[in-house]
Amino acid sequence: MFHRRVSFSGLPLFQPILKARLKNTYRMGPDEGCKFNAGQVQRVLEGALASALGTTVYSPQGSGPLAQSLVELLQSRAKEVVPPRYKLVCHVVLGQQGQQSLVVASRALWDPDTDSFASATFSNASLFAVATVHGAYFE
């Protein structure tokens, strides 16, 4: 098979994409004992927040990258304890500790038999963090 356009390395620019054929499993729910355990995920979140933010000082410029790294850390730690076939949505709110108050709320459309969420908070003298992980069963 000859291609008209080639790259500098001599390889064709347009590689054919082979699609993998997956078979249906016909599962409509998780196996027995393989549901999202909110208590276990909450303990993981609390431990990860405490270890990552122990003596961290709040800075407005560094809060964005810190929140992104926290989301990646919490999602990877939660994946270790969540059964397969669950999709995770992780949300972190960071703020400066002061004389203000904050209410964090969320809404979701899900199956109450299989889906759930876990939330954890952390605060020190400089900042506060609220982390929420939603687990939705993926059929």
Protein backbone atom coordinates (compact mmCIF):
# COMPACT_ATOMS: atom_id res chain seq x y z
CA MET A 1 0.00 0.00 0.00
CA PHE A 2 1.59 3.24 -1.13
CA HIS A 3 0.80 6.63 0.34
CA ARG A 4 1.36 9.88 -1.45
CA ARG A 5 2.24 11.93 1.62
CA VAL A 6 5.03 10.82 3.93
CA SER A 7 6.63 12.41 6.96
CA PHE A 8 10.30 13.33 7.26
CA SER A 9 10.97 9.91 8.78
CA GLY A 10 9.55 8.18 5.70
CA LEU A 11 6.44 6.89 7.45
CA PRO A 12 3.01 7.58 5.97
CA LEU A 13 1.20 10.53 7.54
CA PHE A 14 -2.17 8.83 7.72
CA GLN A 15 -1.98 5.55 9.61
CA PRO A 16 -5.08 3.35 9.35
CA ILE A 17 -6.96 3.19 12.63
CA LEU A 18 -7.97 -0.31 13.64
CA LYS A 19 -11.06 -0.43 15.82
CA ALA A 20 -11.22 -3.04 18.54
CA ARG A 21 -14.42 -5.04 18.61
CA LEU A 22 -15.75 -5.39 22.16
CA LYS A 23 -18.47 -7.81 23.11
CA ASN A 24 -21.47 -6.81 25.19
CA THR A 25 -21.49 -7.90 28.82
CA TYR A 26 -25.21 -7.27 29.33
CA ARG A 27 -24.61 -6.03 32.88
CA MET A 28 -27.14 -3.57 34.19
CA GLY A 29 -25.67 -3.14 37.67
CA PRO A 30 -22.56 -3.85 39.72
CA ASP A 31 -21.79 -7.29 41.08
CA GLU A 32 -22.81 -8.08 44.66
CA GLY A 33 -20.43 -6.40 47.09
CA CYS A 34 -18.90 -4.19 44.39
CA LYS A 35 -20.73 -0.94 45.03
CA PHE A 36 -19.30 2.52 45.67
CA ASN A 37 -18.33 2.61 49.36
CA ALA A 38 -18.73 6.27 50.38
CA GLY A 39 -17.25 5.78 53.86
CA GLN A 40 -14.06 4.21 52.55
CA VAL A 41 -13.65 6.87 49.85
CA GLN A 42 -14.23 9.62 52.45
CA ARG A 43 -11.42 8.23 54.63
CA VAL A 44 -9.12 8.17 51.60
CA LEU A 45 -10.04 11.78 50.75
CA GLU A 46 -9.43 12.98 54.31
CA GLY A 47 -6.03 11.30 54.47
CA ALA A 48 -4.95 12.61 51.07
CA LEU A 49 -6.06 16.18 51.86
CA ALA A 50 -4.27 16.14 55.22
CA SER A 51 -1.04 14.84 53.72
CA ALA A 52 -1.08 17.18 50.70
CA LEU A 53 -2.17 20.37 52.47
CA GLY A 54 -0.65 19.90 55.93
CA THR A 55 1.16 23.25 56.33
CA THR A 56 0.40 24.79 52.94
CA VAL A 57 -0.03 28.58 52.92
CA TYR A 58 -2.73 30.05 50.68
CA SER A 59 -1.65 32.17 47.73
CA PRO A 60 -4.08 33.43 45.07
CA GLN A 61 -1.66 32.75 42.20
CA GLY A 62 -0.88 29.20 43.31
CA SER A 63 -4.41 28.11 44.14
CA GLY A 64 -5.35 27.12 40.57
CA PRO A 65 -2.44 24.72 39.97
CA LEU A 66 -2.80 23.44 43.54
CA ALA A 67 -6.48 22.63 42.96
CA GLN A 68 -5.64 20.82 39.70
CA SER A 69 -2.93 18.75 41.36
CA LEU A 70 -5.28 17.95 44.24
CA VAL A 71 -7.96 16.76 41.82
CA GLU A 72 -5.47 14.46 40.08
CA LEU A 73 -4.18 13.13 43.41
CA LEU A 74 -7.63 12.53 44.86
CA GLN A 75 -8.91 10.89 41.70
CA SER A 76 -5.95 8.49 41.54
CA ARG A 77 -6.28 7.62 45.23
CA ALA A 78 -10.04 7.10 44.93
CA LYS A 79 -9.58 4.84 41.88
CA GLU A 80 -7.57 2.46 44.07
CA VAL A 81 -10.54 1.72 46.35
CA VAL A 82 -13.48 2.09 43.94
CA PRO A 83 -14.64 -1.06 42.12
CA PRO A 84 -14.27 -1.25 38.33
CA ARG A 85 -16.93 0.16 35.97
CA TYR A 86 -17.38 3.31 38.08
CA LYS A 87 -16.73 6.70 36.53
CA LEU A 88 -15.40 9.27 39.00
CA VAL A 89 -16.00 13.00 39.01
CA CYS A 90 -13.74 14.89 41.40
CA HIS A 91 -14.37 18.48 42.47
CA VAL A 92 -12.12 20.58 44.76
CA VAL A 93 -12.85 24.03 46.20
CA LEU A 94 -9.92 25.97 47.72
CA GLY A 95 -10.18 29.25 49.58
CA GLN A 96 -8.42 31.55 51.98
CA GLN A 97 -9.25 31.14 55.64
CA GLY A 98 -10.86 34.31 56.94
CA GLN A 99 -14.03 35.77 58.40
CA GLN A 100 -16.25 34.47 55.60
CA SER A 101 -18.57 31.51 55.30
CA LEU A 102 -19.09 29.20 52.34
CA VAL A 103 -21.71 26.64 51.39
CA VAL A 104 -20.79 24.03 48.78
CA ALA A 105 -23.70 22.21 47.16
CA SER A 106 -24.04 19.86 44.22
CA ARG A 107 -26.77 18.17 42.23
CA ALA A 108 -26.69 15.04 40.18
CA LEU A 109 -29.00 12.80 38.24
CA TRP A 110 -28.17 9.19 39.02
CA ASP A 111 -29.36 5.78 40.14
CA PRO A 112 -29.57 5.80 43.96
CA ASP A 113 -29.04 2.02 44.08
CA THR A 114 -25.59 2.08 42.47
CA ASP A 115 -24.26 5.66 42.49
CA SER A 116 -23.07 7.73 45.44
CA PHE A 117 -20.61 10.42 46.52
CA ALA A 118 -18.07 11.14 49.23
CA SER A 119 -16.99 14.51 50.55
CA ALA A 120 -14.18 15.64 52.84
CA THR A 121 -13.02 18.98 54.22
CA PHE A 122 -9.67 20.24 55.41
CA SER A 123 -8.65 23.53 56.98
CA ASN A 124 -5.55 25.03 58.54
CA ALA A 125 -4.67 28.56 59.64
CA SER A 126 -4.26 29.79 56.05
CA LEU A 127 -6.69 27.88 53.78
CA PHE A 128 -9.64 25.53 53.55
CA ALA A 129 -10.44 22.82 51.02
CA VAL A 130 -13.62 20.93 50.21
CA ALA A 131 -13.25 17.82 48.04
CA THR A 132 -16.13 15.83 46.57
CA VAL A 133 -15.94 12.64 44.54
CA HIS A 134 -19.04 11.37 42.73
CA GLY A 135 -19.06 7.73 41.66
CA ALA A 136 -21.46 6.79 38.85
CA TYR A 137 -21.81 3.20 37.65
CA PHE A 138 -21.04 2.92 33.94
CA GLU A 139 -22.97 0.18 32.14
